[in-house]
PDB file of N, CA and C in Angstrom:
ATOM      1  N   MET A   1       0.845  -1.171   0.000  1.00  0.00           N
ATOM      2  CA  MET A   1       0.000   0.000   0.000  1.00  0.00           C
ATOM      3  C   MET A   1       0.891   1.234   0.000  1.00  0.00           C
ATOM      4  N   GLU A   2       0.698   2.014  -0.994  1.00  0.00           N
ATOM      5  CA  GLU A   2       1.483   3.246  -1.126  1.00  0.00           C
ATOM      6  C   GLU A   2       0.590   4.449  -0.850  1.00  0.00           C
ATOM      7  N   PHE A   3       1.150   5.433  -0.202  1.00  0.00           N
ATOM      8  CA  PHE A   3       0.436   6.675   0.066  1.00  0.00           C
ATOM      9  C   PHE A   3       1.136   7.809  -0.670  1.00  0.00           C
ATOM     10  N   SER A   4       0.344   8.689  -1.249  1.00  0.00           N
ATOM     11  CA  SER A   4       0.911   9.863  -1.904  1.00  0.00           C
ATOM     12  C   SER A   4       1.408  10.836  -0.836  1.00  0.00           C
ATOM     13  N   ASP A   5       2.199  11.796  -1.249  1.00  0.00           N
ATOM     14  CA  ASP A   5       2.699  12.805  -0.312  1.00  0.00           C
ATOM     15  C   ASP A   5       1.555  13.542   0.377  1.00  0.00           C
ATOM     16  N   SER A   6       0.503  13.860  -0.378  1.00  0.00           N
ATOM     17  CA  SER A   6      -0.629  14.576   0.224  1.00  0.00           C
ATOM     18  C   SER A   6      -1.378  13.692   1.218  1.00  0.00           C
ATOM     19  N   GLU A   7      -1.494  12.387   0.926  1.00  0.00           N
ATOM     20  CA  GLU A   7      -2.125  11.465   1.877  1.00  0.00           C
ATOM     21  C   GLU A   7      -1.299  11.340   3.153  1.00  0.00           C
ATOM     22  N   ILE A   8       0.007  11.286   2.990  1.00  0.00           N
ATOM     23  CA  ILE A   8       0.894  11.192   4.154  1.00  0.00           C
ATOM     24  C   ILE A   8       0.737  12.427   5.032  1.00  0.00           C
ATOM     25  N   GLU A   9       0.695  13.596   4.422  1.00  0.00           N
ATOM     26  CA  GLU A   9       0.515  14.833   5.192  1.00  0.00           C
ATOM     27  C   GLU A   9      -0.838  14.858   5.887  1.00  0.00           C
ATOM     28  N   TRP A  10      -1.883  14.383   5.199  1.00  0.00           N
ATOM     29  CA  TRP A  10      -3.221  14.316   5.786  1.00  0.00           C
ATOM     30  C   TRP A  10      -3.215  13.386   7.002  1.00  0.00           C
ATOM     31  N   ILE A  11      -2.596  12.223   6.861  1.00  0.00           N
ATOM     32  CA  ILE A  11      -2.522  11.266   7.971  1.00  0.00           C
ATOM     33  C   ILE A  11      -1.752  11.880   9.141  1.00  0.00           C
ATOM     34  N   LYS A  12      -0.593  12.457   8.864  1.00  0.00           N
ATOM     35  CA  LYS A  12       0.220  13.053   9.936  1.00  0.00           C
ATOM     36  C   LYS A  12      -0.535  14.153  10.668  1.00  0.00           C
ATOM     37  N   SER A  13      -1.168  15.029   9.922  1.00  0.00           N
ATOM     38  CA  SER A  13      -1.902  16.143  10.512  1.00  0.00           C
ATOM     39  C   SER A  13      -3.072  15.661  11.366  1.00  0.00           C
ATOM     40  N   ASN A  14      -3.851  14.742  10.833  1.00  0.00           N
ATOM     41  CA  ASN A  14      -5.009  14.243  11.568  1.00  0.00           C
ATOM     42  C   ASN A  14      -4.612  13.353  12.731  1.00  0.00           C
ATOM     43  N   TRP A  15      -3.510  12.630  12.594  1.00  0.00           N
ATOM     44  CA  TRP A  15      -3.013  11.814  13.704  1.00  0.00           C
ATOM     45  C   TRP A  15      -2.642  12.725  14.877  1.00  0.00           C
ATOM     46  N   LEU A  16      -1.957  13.798  14.596  1.00  0.00           N
ATOM     47  CA  LEU A  16      -1.580  14.739  15.645  1.00  0.00           C
ATOM     48  C   LEU A  16      -2.821  15.323  16.323  1.00  0.00           C
ATOM     49  N   LYS A  17      -3.797  15.747  15.533  1.00  0.00           N
ATOM     50  CA  LYS A  17      -5.037  16.293  16.092  1.00  0.00           C
ATOM     51  C   LYS A  17      -5.760  15.255  16.953  1.00  0.00           C
ATOM     52  N   LEU A  18      -5.823  14.023  16.471  1.00  0.00           N
ATOM     53  CA  LEU A  18      -6.497  12.957  17.224  1.00  0.00           C
ATOM     54  C   LEU A  18      -5.783  12.664  18.539  1.00  0.00           C
ATOM     55  N   THR A  19      -4.456  12.544  18.497  1.00  0.00           N
ATOM     56  CA  THR A  19      -3.733  12.222  19.727  1.00  0.00           C
ATOM     57  C   THR A  19      -3.793  13.370  20.725  1.00  0.00           C
ATOM     58  N   LEU A  20      -3.847  14.607  20.247  1.00  0.00           N
ATOM     59  CA  LEU A  20      -4.012  15.742  21.156  1.00  0.00           C
ATOM     60  C   LEU A  20      -5.399  15.724  21.800  1.00  0.00           C
ATOM     61  N   LEU A  21      -6.411  15.349  21.029  1.00  0.00           N
ATOM     62  CA  LEU A  21      -7.762  15.199  21.577  1.00  0.00           C
ATOM     63  C   LEU A  21      -7.785  14.122  22.659  1.00  0.00           C
ATOM     64  N   LEU A  22      -7.155  12.995  22.374  1.00  0.00           N
ATOM     65  CA  LEU A  22      -7.109  11.906  23.360  1.00  0.00           C
ATOM     66  C   LEU A  22      -6.276  12.298  24.571  1.00  0.00           C
ATOM     67  N   ALA A  23      -5.219  13.078  24.365  1.00  0.00           N
ATOM     68  CA  ALA A  23      -4.367  13.522  25.476  1.00  0.00           C
ATOM     69  C   ALA A  23      -5.169  14.344  26.472  1.00  0.00           C
ATOM     70  N   ASP A  24      -6.132  15.131  25.981  1.00  0.00           N
ATOM     71  CA  ASP A  24      -6.986  15.911  26.873  1.00  0.00           C
ATOM     72  C   ASP A  24      -7.782  15.008  27.812  1.00  0.00           C
ATOM     73  N   GLN A  25      -8.139  13.825  27.345  1.00  0.00           N
ATOM     74  CA  GLN A  25      -8.939  12.901  28.138  1.00  0.00           C
ATOM     75  C   GLN A  25      -8.087  11.979  29.013  1.00  0.00           C
ATOM     76  N   PHE A  26      -6.861  11.700  28.587  1.00  0.00           N
ATOM     77  CA  PHE A  26      -6.039  10.708  29.284  1.00  0.00           C
ATOM     78  C   PHE A  26      -4.775  11.282  29.910  1.00  0.00           C
ATOM     79  N   GLU A  27      -4.620  12.580  29.895  1.00  0.00           N
ATOM     80  CA  GLU A  27      -3.514  13.278  30.550  1.00  0.00           C
ATOM     81  C   GLU A  27      -2.136  13.024  29.946  1.00  0.00           C
ATOM     82  N   ALA A  28      -2.093  12.351  28.814  1.00  0.00           N
ATOM     83  CA  ALA A  28      -0.831  12.126  28.112  1.00  0.00           C
ATOM     84  C   ALA A  28      -1.153  11.833  26.650  1.00  0.00           C
ATOM     85  N   GLU A  29      -0.266  12.248  25.768  1.00  0.00           N
ATOM     86  CA  GLU A  29      -0.479  11.985  24.352  1.00  0.00           C
ATOM     87  C   GLU A  29      -0.164  10.515  24.067  1.00  0.00           C
ATOM     88  N   PRO A  30      -1.157   9.737  23.636  1.00  0.00           N
ATOM     89  CA  PRO A  30      -0.937   8.306  23.426  1.00  0.00           C
ATOM     90  C   PRO A  30      -0.171   8.014  22.135  1.00  0.00           C
ATOM     91  N   ASP A  31       0.587   6.932  22.163  1.00  0.00           N
ATOM     92  CA  ASP A  31       1.236   6.480  20.938  1.00  0.00           C
ATOM     93  C   ASP A  31       0.290   5.513  20.223  1.00  0.00           C
ATOM     94  N   LEU A  32       0.721   4.998  19.088  1.00  0.00           N
ATOM     95  CA  LEU A  32      -0.127   4.123  18.278  1.00  0.00           C
ATOM     96  C   LEU A  32      -0.560   2.892  19.054  1.00  0.00           C
ATOM     97  N   GLN A  33       0.357   2.281  19.799  1.00  0.00           N
ATOM     98  CA  GLN A  33      -0.006   1.077  20.559  1.00  0.00           C
ATOM     99  C   GLN A  33      -1.071   1.368  21.606  1.00  0.00           C
ATOM    100  N   ALA A  34      -0.964   2.501  22.274  1.00  0.00           N
ATOM    101  CA  ALA A  34      -1.954   2.863  23.290  1.00  0.00           C
ATOM    102  C   ALA A  34      -3.324   3.083  22.653  1.00  0.00           C
ATOM    103  N   VAL A  35      -3.346   3.725  21.493  1.00  0.00           N
ATOM    104  CA  VAL A  35      -4.611   3.963  20.810  1.00  0.00           C
ATOM    105  C   VAL A  35      -5.210   2.640  20.344  1.00  0.00           C
ATOM    106  N   ILE A  36      -4.390   1.748  19.840  1.00  0.00           N
ATOM    107  CA  ILE A  36      -4.878   0.424  19.424  1.00  0.00           C
ATOM    108  C   ILE A  36      -5.453  -0.315  20.631  1.00  0.00           C
ATOM    109  N   PHE A  37      -4.789  -0.231  21.782  1.00  0.00           N
ATOM    110  CA  PHE A  37      -5.317  -0.856  22.992  1.00  0.00           C
ATOM    111  C   PHE A  37      -6.689  -0.268  23.342  1.00  0.00           C
ATOM    112  N   LEU A  38      -6.830   1.058  23.275  1.00  0.00           N
ATOM    113  CA  LEU A  38      -8.112   1.712  23.573  1.00  0.00           C
ATOM    114  C   LEU A  38      -9.216   1.219  22.634  1.00  0.00           C
ATOM    115  N   ILE A  39      -8.882   1.044  21.370  1.00  0.00           N
ATOM    116  CA  ILE A  39      -9.865   0.529  20.408  1.00  0.00           C
ATOM    117  C   ILE A  39     -10.259  -0.892  20.778  1.00  0.00           C
ATOM    118  N   GLY A  40      -9.285  -1.694  21.198  1.00  0.00           N
ATOM    119  CA  GLY A  40      -9.592  -3.062  21.625  1.00  0.00           C
ATOM    120  C   GLY A  40     -10.555  -3.087  22.798  1.00  0.00           C
ATOM    121  N   VAL A  41     -10.331  -2.223  23.774  1.00  0.00           N
ATOM    122  CA  VAL A  41     -11.236  -2.131  24.928  1.00  0.00           C
ATOM    123  C   VAL A  41     -12.619  -1.695  24.462  1.00  0.00           C
ATOM    124  N   GLN A  42     -12.655  -0.708  23.568  1.00  0.00           N
ATOM    125  CA  GLN A  42     -13.936  -0.235  23.021  1.00  0.00           C
ATOM    126  C   GLN A  42     -14.670  -1.367  22.315  1.00  0.00           C
ATOM    127  N   GLU A  43     -13.967  -2.136  21.521  1.00  0.00           N
ATOM    128  CA  GLU A  43     -14.589  -3.227  20.775  1.00  0.00           C
ATOM    129  C   GLU A  43     -15.057  -4.349  21.704  1.00  0.00           C
ATOM    130  N   LEU A  44     -14.319  -4.581  22.777  1.00  0.00           N
ATOM    131  CA  LEU A  44     -14.733  -5.595  23.752  1.00  0.00           C
ATOM    132  C   LEU A  44     -15.951  -5.113  24.526  1.00  0.00           C
ATOM    133  N   GLY A  45     -15.977  -3.821  24.827  1.00  0.00           N
ATOM    134  CA  GLY A  45     -17.114  -3.263  25.548  1.00  0.00           C
ATOM    135  C   GLY A  45     -16.983  -3.344  27.057  1.00  0.00           C
ATOM    136  N   ARG A  46     -15.794  -3.652  27.548  1.00  0.00           N
ATOM    137  CA  ARG A  46     -15.541  -3.718  28.987  1.00  0.00           C
ATOM    138  C   ARG A  46     -14.464  -2.707  29.328  1.00  0.00           C
ATOM    139  N   VAL A  47     -14.838  -1.661  30.026  1.00  0.00           N
ATOM    140  CA  VAL A  47     -13.890  -0.587  30.278  1.00  0.00           C
ATOM    141  C   VAL A  47     -13.283  -0.657  31.671  1.00  0.00           C
ATOM    142  N   LYS A  48     -14.075  -0.848  32.681  1.00  0.00           N
ATOM    143  CA  LYS A  48     -13.601  -0.744  34.064  1.00  0.00           C
ATOM    144  C   LYS A  48     -13.176  -2.114  34.582  1.00  0.00           C
ATOM    145  N   ARG A  49     -11.951  -2.476  34.206  1.00  0.00           N
ATOM    146  CA  ARG A  49     -11.445  -3.783  34.598  1.00  0.00           C
ATOM    147  C   ARG A  49      -9.944  -3.820  34.372  1.00  0.00           C
ATOM    148  N   ASP A  50      -9.249  -4.494  35.242  1.00  0.00           N
ATOM    149  CA  ASP A  50      -7.822  -4.725  35.011  1.00  0.00           C
ATOM    150  C   ASP A  50      -7.681  -5.915  34.088  1.00  0.00           C
ATOM    151  N   PHE A  51      -6.827  -5.779  33.095  1.00  0.00           N
ATOM    152  CA  PHE A  51      -6.611  -6.859  32.136  1.00  0.00           C
ATOM    153  C   PHE A  51      -5.255  -7.478  32.379  1.00  0.00           C
ATOM    154  N   SER A  52      -5.188  -8.807  32.221  1.00  0.00           N
ATOM    155  CA  SER A  52      -3.908  -9.510  32.321  1.00  0.00           C
ATOM    156  C   SER A  52      -3.064  -9.150  31.109  1.00  0.00           C
ATOM    157  N   LYS A  53      -1.791  -9.509  31.166  1.00  0.00           N
ATOM    158  CA  LYS A  53      -0.902  -9.234  30.039  1.00  0.00           C
ATOM    159  C   LYS A  53      -1.428  -9.911  28.768  1.00  0.00           C
ATOM    160  N   GLN A  54      -1.882 -11.158  28.887  1.00  0.00           N
ATOM    161  CA  GLN A  54      -2.416 -11.882  27.731  1.00  0.00           C
ATOM    162  C   GLN A  54      -3.672 -11.199  27.195  1.00  0.00           C
ATOM    163  N   GLU A  55      -4.547 -10.758  28.102  1.00  0.00           N
ATOM    164  CA  GLU A  55      -5.758 -10.070  27.664  1.00  0.00           C
ATOM    165  C   GLU A  55      -5.424  -8.759  26.956  1.00  0.00           C
ATOM    166  N   LYS A  56      -4.410  -8.057  27.436  1.00  0.00           N
ATOM    167  CA  LYS A  56      -3.996  -6.815  26.771  1.00  0.00           C
ATOM    168  C   LYS A  56      -3.515  -7.109  25.350  1.00  0.00           C
ATOM    169  N   MET A  57      -2.773  -8.185  25.187  1.00  0.00           N
ATOM    170  CA  MET A  57      -2.317  -8.575  23.846  1.00  0.00           C
ATOM    171  C   MET A  57      -3.519  -8.954  22.973  1.00  0.00           C
ATOM    172  N   ASP A  58      -4.484  -9.663  23.570  1.00  0.00           N
ATOM    173  CA  ASP A  58      -5.691 -10.047  22.839  1.00  0.00           C
ATOM    174  C   ASP A  58      -6.497  -8.815  22.420  1.00  0.00           C
ATOM    175  N   LEU A  59      -6.568  -7.815  23.304  1.00  0.00           N
ATOM    176  CA  LEU A  59      -7.285  -6.578  22.973  1.00  0.00           C
ATOM    177  C   LEU A  59      -6.626  -5.863  21.801  1.00  0.00           C
ATOM    178  N   MET A  60      -5.307  -5.851  21.785  1.00  0.00           N
ATOM    179  CA  MET A  60      -4.598  -5.216  20.669  1.00  0.00           C
ATOM    180  C   MET A  60      -4.826  -5.991  19.369  1.00  0.00           C
ATOM    181  N   HIS A  61      -4.910  -7.311  19.477  1.00  0.00           N
ATOM    182  CA  HIS A  61      -5.194  -8.143  18.303  1.00  0.00           C
ATOM    183  C   HIS A  61      -6.604  -7.853  17.780  1.00  0.00           C
ATOM    184  N   ILE A  62      -7.582  -7.770  18.698  1.00  0.00           N
ATOM    185  CA  ILE A  62      -8.960  -7.449  18.307  1.00  0.00           C
ATOM    186  C   ILE A  62      -8.993  -6.114  17.567  1.00  0.00           C
ATOM    187  N   ALA A  63      -8.324  -5.123  18.135  1.00  0.00           N
ATOM    188  CA  ALA A  63      -8.315  -3.793  17.520  1.00  0.00           C
ATOM    189  C   ALA A  63      -7.657  -3.826  16.149  1.00  0.00           C
ATOM    190  N   THR A  64      -6.547  -4.513  16.045  1.00  0.00           N
ATOM    191  CA  THR A  64      -5.845  -4.597  14.761  1.00  0.00           C
ATOM    192  C   THR A  64      -6.731  -5.267  13.715  1.00  0.00           C
ATOM    193  N   CYS A  65      -7.403  -6.345  14.097  1.00  0.00           N
ATOM    194  CA  CYS A  65      -8.316  -7.011  13.162  1.00  0.00           C
ATOM    195  C   CYS A  65      -9.452  -6.076  12.766  1.00  0.00           C
ATOM    196  N   LYS A  66     -10.012  -5.369  13.737  1.00  0.00           N
ATOM    197  CA  LYS A  66     -11.090  -4.417  13.445  1.00  0.00           C
ATOM    198  C   LYS A  66     -10.595  -3.346  12.479  1.00  0.00           C
ATOM    199  N   LEU A  67      -9.430  -2.786  12.759  1.00  0.00           N
ATOM    200  CA  LEU A  67      -8.885  -1.736  11.897  1.00  0.00           C
ATOM    201  C   LEU A  67      -8.606  -2.256  10.491  1.00  0.00           C
ATOM    202  N   LEU A  68      -8.011  -3.434  10.404  1.00  0.00           N
ATOM    203  CA  LEU A  68      -7.661  -3.985   9.086  1.00  0.00           C
ATOM    204  C   LEU A  68      -8.879  -4.526   8.348  1.00  0.00           C
ATOM    205  N   SER A  69     -10.004  -4.704   9.058  1.00  0.00           N
ATOM    206  CA  SER A  69     -11.226  -5.125   8.372  1.00  0.00           C
ATOM    207  C   SER A  69     -11.717  -4.021   7.425  1.00  0.00           C
ATOM    208  N   SER A  70     -11.356  -2.778   7.731  1.00  0.00           N
ATOM    209  CA  SER A  70     -11.755  -1.683   6.835  1.00  0.00           C
ATOM    210  C   SER A  70     -11.019  -1.757   5.495  1.00  0.00           C
ATOM    211  N   TYR A  71      -9.919  -2.489   5.445  1.00  0.00           N
ATOM    212  CA  TYR A  71      -9.175  -2.693   4.198  1.00  0.00           C
ATOM    213  C   TYR A  71      -9.490  -4.053   3.567  1.00  0.00           C
ATOM    214  N   GLY A  72     -10.384  -4.810   4.196  1.00  0.00           N
ATOM    215  CA  GLY A  72     -10.786  -6.101   3.659  1.00  0.00           C
ATOM    216  C   GLY A  72      -9.891  -7.275   4.021  1.00  0.00           C
ATOM    217  N   TYR A  73      -8.978  -7.100   4.959  1.00  0.00           N
ATOM    218  CA  TYR A  73      -8.074  -8.184   5.335  1.00  0.00           C
ATOM    219  C   TYR A  73      -8.681  -9.125   6.375  1.00  0.00           C
ATOM    220  N   TYR A  74      -9.640  -8.633   7.132  1.00  0.00           N
ATOM    221  CA  TYR A  74     -10.332  -9.435   8.143  1.00  0.00           C
ATOM    222  C   TYR A  74     -11.816  -9.134   8.056  1.00  0.00           C
ATOM    223  N   LYS A  75     -12.618 -10.066   8.590  1.00  0.00           N
ATOM    224  CA  LYS A  75     -14.035  -9.787   8.774  1.00  0.00           C
ATOM    225  C   LYS A  75     -14.460 -10.374  10.112  1.00  0.00           C
ATOM    226  N   PHE A  76     -15.434  -9.707  10.719  1.00  0.00           N
ATOM    227  CA  PHE A  76     -15.938 -10.161  12.001  1.00  0.00           C
ATOM    228  C   PHE A  76     -16.537 -11.545  11.829  1.00  0.00           C
ATOM    229  N   SER A  77     -16.242 -12.429  12.784  1.00  0.00           N
ATOM    230  CA  SER A  77     -16.749 -13.788  12.723  1.00  0.00           C
ATOM    231  C   SER A  77     -17.855 -14.017  13.757  1.00  0.00           C
ATOM    232  N   CYS A  78     -17.534 -13.792  15.044  1.00  0.00           N
ATOM    233  CA  CYS A  78     -18.513 -14.063  16.098  1.00  0.00           C
ATOM    234  C   CYS A  78     -17.989 -13.559  17.438  1.00  0.00           C
ATOM    235  N   TYR A  79     -18.849 -13.604  18.424  1.00  0.00           N
ATOM    236  CA  TYR A  79     -18.436 -13.383  19.809  1.00  0.00           C
ATOM    237  C   TYR A  79     -18.372 -14.743  20.474  1.00  0.00           C
ATOM    238  N   ASP A  80     -17.336 -14.962  21.277  1.00  0.00           N
ATOM    239  CA  ASP A  80     -17.252 -16.233  21.986  1.00  0.00           C
ATOM    240  C   ASP A  80     -18.144 -16.198  23.231  1.00  0.00           C
ATOM    241  N   SER A  81     -18.154 -17.274  23.998  1.00  0.00           N
ATOM    242  CA  SER A  81     -19.039 -17.387  25.157  1.00  0.00           C
ATOM    243  C   SER A  81     -18.733 -16.357  26.245  1.00  0.00           C
ATOM    244  N   GLU A  82     -17.534 -15.779  26.207  1.00  0.00           N
ATOM    245  CA  GLU A  82     -17.162 -14.757  27.193  1.00  0.00           C
ATOM    246  C   GLU A  82     -17.346 -13.344  26.642  1.00  0.00           C
ATOM    247  N   GLY A  83     -17.878 -13.235  25.426  1.00  0.00           N
ATOM    248  CA  GLY A  83     -18.159 -11.927  24.836  1.00  0.00           C
ATOM    249  C   GLY A  83     -17.001 -11.296  24.073  1.00  0.00           C
ATOM    250  N   TRP A  84     -15.944 -12.062  23.831  1.00  0.00           N
ATOM    251  CA  TRP A  84     -14.795 -11.531  23.079  1.00  0.00           C
ATOM    252  C   TRP A  84     -15.064 -11.686  21.590  1.00  0.00           C
ATOM    253  N   PRO A  85     -14.855 -10.611  20.814  1.00  0.00           N
ATOM    254  CA  PRO A  85     -15.060 -10.704  19.365  1.00  0.00           C
ATOM    255  C   PRO A  85     -13.930 -11.486  18.690  1.00  0.00           C
ATOM    256  N   HIS A  86     -14.297 -12.184  17.639  1.00  0.00           N
ATOM    257  CA  HIS A  86     -13.321 -12.936  16.847  1.00  0.00           C
ATOM    258  C   HIS A  86     -13.458 -12.546  15.388  1.00  0.00           C
ATOM    259  N   TYR A  87     -12.328 -12.536  14.712  1.00  0.00           N
ATOM    260  CA  TYR A  87     -12.271 -12.167  13.300  1.00  0.00           C
ATOM    261  C   TYR A  87     -11.611 -13.296  12.532  1.00  0.00           C
ATOM    262  N   GLU A  88     -11.940 -13.375  11.260  1.00  0.00           N
ATOM    263  CA  GLU A  88     -11.248 -14.326  10.396  1.00  0.00           C
ATOM    264  C   GLU A  88     -10.546 -13.552   9.286  1.00  0.00           C
ATOM    265  N   LYS A  89      -9.385 -14.050   8.916  1.00  0.00           N
ATOM    266  CA  LYS A  89      -8.612 -13.410   7.847  1.00  0.00           C
ATOM    267  C   LYS A  89      -9.288 -13.706   6.522  1.00  0.00           C
ATOM    268  N   THR A  90      -9.476 -12.662   5.713  1.00  0.00           N
ATOM    269  CA  THR A  90     -10.133 -12.830   4.419  1.00  0.00           C
ATOM    270  C   THR A  90      -9.170 -12.733   3.251  1.00  0.00           C
ATOM    271  N   SER A  91      -8.031 -12.084   3.480  1.00  0.00           N
ATOM    272  CA  SER A  91      -7.004 -12.023   2.442  1.00  0.00           C
ATOM    273  C   SER A  91      -5.652 -11.783   3.097  1.00  0.00           C
ATOM    274  N   LEU A  92      -4.618 -12.094   2.341  1.00  0.00           N
ATOM    275  CA  LEU A  92      -3.272 -11.913   2.870  1.00  0.00           C
ATOM    276  C   LEU A  92      -2.919 -10.431   2.931  1.00  0.00           C
ATOM    277  N   ILE A  93      -2.276 -10.065   4.003  1.00  0.00           N
ATOM    278  CA  ILE A  93      -1.794  -8.698   4.148  1.00  0.00           C
ATOM    279  C   ILE A  93      -0.473  -8.607   3.393  1.00  0.00           C
ATOM    280  N   PRO A  94      -0.348  -7.645   2.504  1.00  0.00           N
ATOM    281  CA  PRO A  94       0.896  -7.555   1.737  1.00  0.00           C
ATOM    282  C   PRO A  94       2.083  -7.192   2.627  1.00  0.00           C
ATOM    283  N   ALA A  95       3.250  -7.571   2.178  1.00  0.00           N
ATOM    284  CA  ALA A  95       4.467  -7.197   2.899  1.00  0.00           C
ATOM    285  C   ALA A  95       4.618  -5.689   2.793  1.00  0.00           C
ATOM    286  N   LEU A  96       4.721  -5.041   3.946  1.00  0.00           N
ATOM    287  CA  LEU A  96       4.827  -3.588   3.990  1.00  0.00           C
ATOM    288  C   LEU A  96       6.031  -3.199   4.828  1.00  0.00           C
ATOM    289  N   SER A  97       6.595  -2.064   4.493  1.00  0.00           N
ATOM    290  CA  SER A  97       7.667  -1.537   5.329  1.00  0.00           C
ATOM    291  C   SER A  97       7.053  -1.076   6.656  1.00  0.00           C
ATOM    292  N   MET A  98       7.882  -0.856   7.641  1.00  0.00           N
ATOM    293  CA  MET A  98       7.390  -0.370   8.930  1.00  0.00           C
ATOM    294  C   MET A  98       6.676   0.974   8.745  1.00  0.00           C
ATOM    295  N   ARG A  99       7.200   1.824   7.917  1.00  0.00           N
ATOM    296  CA  ARG A  99       6.587   3.132   7.660  1.00  0.00           C
ATOM    297  C   ARG A  99       5.208   2.967   7.037  1.00  0.00           C
ATOM    298  N   GLN A 100       5.087   2.061   6.055  1.00  0.00           N
ATOM    299  CA  GLN A 100       3.803   1.822   5.405  1.00  0.00           C
ATOM    300  C   GLN A 100       2.793   1.227   6.390  1.00  0.00           C
ATOM    301  N   GLN A 101       3.264   0.289   7.242  1.00  0.00           N
ATOM    302  CA  GLN A 101       2.386  -0.286   8.272  1.00  0.00           C
ATOM    303  C   GLN A 101       1.873   0.800   9.207  1.00  0.00           C
ATOM    304  N   ASP A 102       2.783   1.656   9.638  1.00  0.00           N
ATOM    305  CA  ASP A 102       2.448   2.734  10.555  1.00  0.00           C
ATOM    306  C   ASP A 102       1.402   3.665   9.932  1.00  0.00           C
ATOM    307  N   LEU A 103       1.636   4.063   8.696  1.00  0.00           N
ATOM    308  CA  LEU A 103       0.691   4.949   8.005  1.00  0.00           C
ATOM    309  C   LEU A 103      -0.656   4.277   7.806  1.00  0.00           C
ATOM    310  N   MET A 104      -0.667   3.016   7.414  1.00  0.00           N
ATOM    311  CA  MET A 104      -1.918   2.298   7.195  1.00  0.00           C
ATOM    312  C   MET A 104      -2.721   2.207   8.492  1.00  0.00           C
ATOM    313  N   LEU A 105      -2.053   1.852   9.588  1.00  0.00           N
ATOM    314  CA  LEU A 105      -2.749   1.738  10.867  1.00  0.00           C
ATOM    315  C   LEU A 105      -3.228   3.104  11.365  1.00  0.00           C
ATOM    316  N   LYS A 106      -2.414   4.121  11.222  1.00  0.00           N
ATOM    317  CA  LYS A 106      -2.842   5.461  11.657  1.00  0.00           C
ATOM    318  C   LYS A 106      -4.047   5.933  10.852  1.00  0.00           C
ATOM    319  N   LYS A 107      -4.044   5.695   9.539  1.00  0.00           N
ATOM    320  CA  LYS A 107      -5.196   6.079   8.725  1.00  0.00           C
ATOM    321  C   LYS A 107      -6.429   5.291   9.158  1.00  0.00           C
ATOM    322  N   ALA A 108      -6.273   4.005   9.421  1.00  0.00           N
ATOM    323  CA  ALA A 108      -7.401   3.183   9.869  1.00  0.00           C
ATOM    324  C   ALA A 108      -7.925   3.659  11.222  1.00  0.00           C
ATOM    325  N   VAL A 109      -7.024   4.081  12.109  1.00  0.00           N
ATOM    326  CA  VAL A 109      -7.430   4.611  13.419  1.00  0.00           C
ATOM    327  C   VAL A 109      -8.223   5.908  13.225  1.00  0.00           C
ATOM    328  N   ILE A 110      -7.718   6.796  12.391  1.00  0.00           N
ATOM    329  CA  ILE A 110      -8.422   8.053  12.119  1.00  0.00           C
ATOM    330  C   ILE A 110      -9.823   7.756  11.580  1.00  0.00           C
ATOM    331  N   ASP A 111      -9.907   6.829  10.634  1.00  0.00           N
ATOM    332  CA  ASP A 111     -11.201   6.447  10.064  1.00  0.00           C
ATOM    333  C   ASP A 111     -12.116   5.840  11.135  1.00  0.00           C
ATOM    334  N   TYR A 112     -11.557   5.017  12.014  1.00  0.00           N
ATOM    335  CA  TYR A 112     -12.328   4.379  13.091  1.00  0.00           C
ATOM    336  C   TYR A 112     -12.962   5.439  13.992  1.00  0.00           C
ATOM    337  N   PHE A 113     -12.162   6.404  14.431  1.00  0.00           N
ATOM    338  CA  PHE A 113     -12.678   7.446  15.311  1.00  0.00           C
ATOM    339  C   PHE A 113     -13.660   8.354  14.571  1.00  0.00           C
ATOM    340  N   SER A 114     -13.472   8.529  13.283  1.00  0.00           N
ATOM    341  CA  SER A 114     -14.400   9.322  12.482  1.00  0.00           C
ATOM    342  C   SER A 114     -15.746   8.610  12.338  1.00  0.00           C
ATOM    343  N   VAL A 115     -15.715   7.337  11.975  1.00  0.00           N
ATOM    344  CA  VAL A 115     -16.938   6.545  11.804  1.00  0.00           C
ATOM    345  C   VAL A 115     -17.726   6.477  13.125  1.00  0.00           C
ATOM    346  N   ASN A 116     -16.998   6.412  14.239  1.00  0.00           N
ATOM    347  CA  ASN A 116     -17.642   6.344  15.548  1.00  0.00           C
ATOM    348  C   ASN A 116     -17.973   7.729  16.121  1.00  0.00           C
ATOM    349  N   LYS A 117     -17.815   8.753  15.287  1.00  0.00           N
ATOM    350  CA  LYS A 117     -18.181  10.130  15.615  1.00  0.00           C
ATOM    351  C   LYS A 117     -17.494  10.667  16.873  1.00  0.00           C
ATOM    352  N   ILE A 118     -16.238  10.268  17.034  1.00  0.00           N
ATOM    353  CA  ILE A 118     -15.425  10.750  18.145  1.00  0.00           C
ATOM    354  C   ILE A 118     -14.481  11.844  17.667  1.00  0.00           C
ATOM    355  N   PHE A 119     -14.146  11.787  16.380  1.00  0.00           N
ATOM    356  CA  PHE A 119     -13.170  12.719  15.806  1.00  0.00           C
ATOM    357  C   PHE A 119     -13.588  13.016  14.374  1.00  0.00           C
ATOM    358  N   THR A 120     -13.477  14.263  13.995  1.00  0.00           N
ATOM    359  CA  THR A 120     -13.755  14.673  12.621  1.00  0.00           C
ATOM    360  C   THR A 120     -12.440  15.108  11.979  1.00  0.00           C
ATOM    361  N   PRO A 121     -11.931  14.315  11.040  1.00  0.00           N
ATOM    362  CA  PRO A 121     -10.677  14.693  10.387  1.00  0.00           C
ATOM    363  C   PRO A 121     -10.855  15.938   9.534  1.00  0.00           C
ATOM    364  N   GLY A 122      -9.739  16.650   9.385  1.00  0.00           N
ATOM    365  CA  GLY A 122      -9.766  17.876   8.592  1.00  0.00           C
ATOM    366  C   GLY A 122      -9.232  17.675   7.211  1.00  0.00           C
TER     367      GLY A 122
END
């Protein structure tokens, strides 16, 4: 996945605006991993709870699958008996550089917060 220079600038600008918005709520500007974790908690629907290390990794996996579902790489499958969402891979994710991965995930995060009416990109 390649991004044009203008797309890269749009992602960078909106990422900064989004993280500043989140910083107002969480007292610190979150990095990509922290935002992915927050999305995982949102998707699980359980906010007030301590999560084990494994559960935190699972939450990040849920969020990543949710984010990549917007690109068609995953689709929601079901909720298990404990209420955890599961996704199935629908296509192979192409080999991407770290920079391309970062940009793709940041754009998906911006889109996620926009669709959920938490953030309006400029």
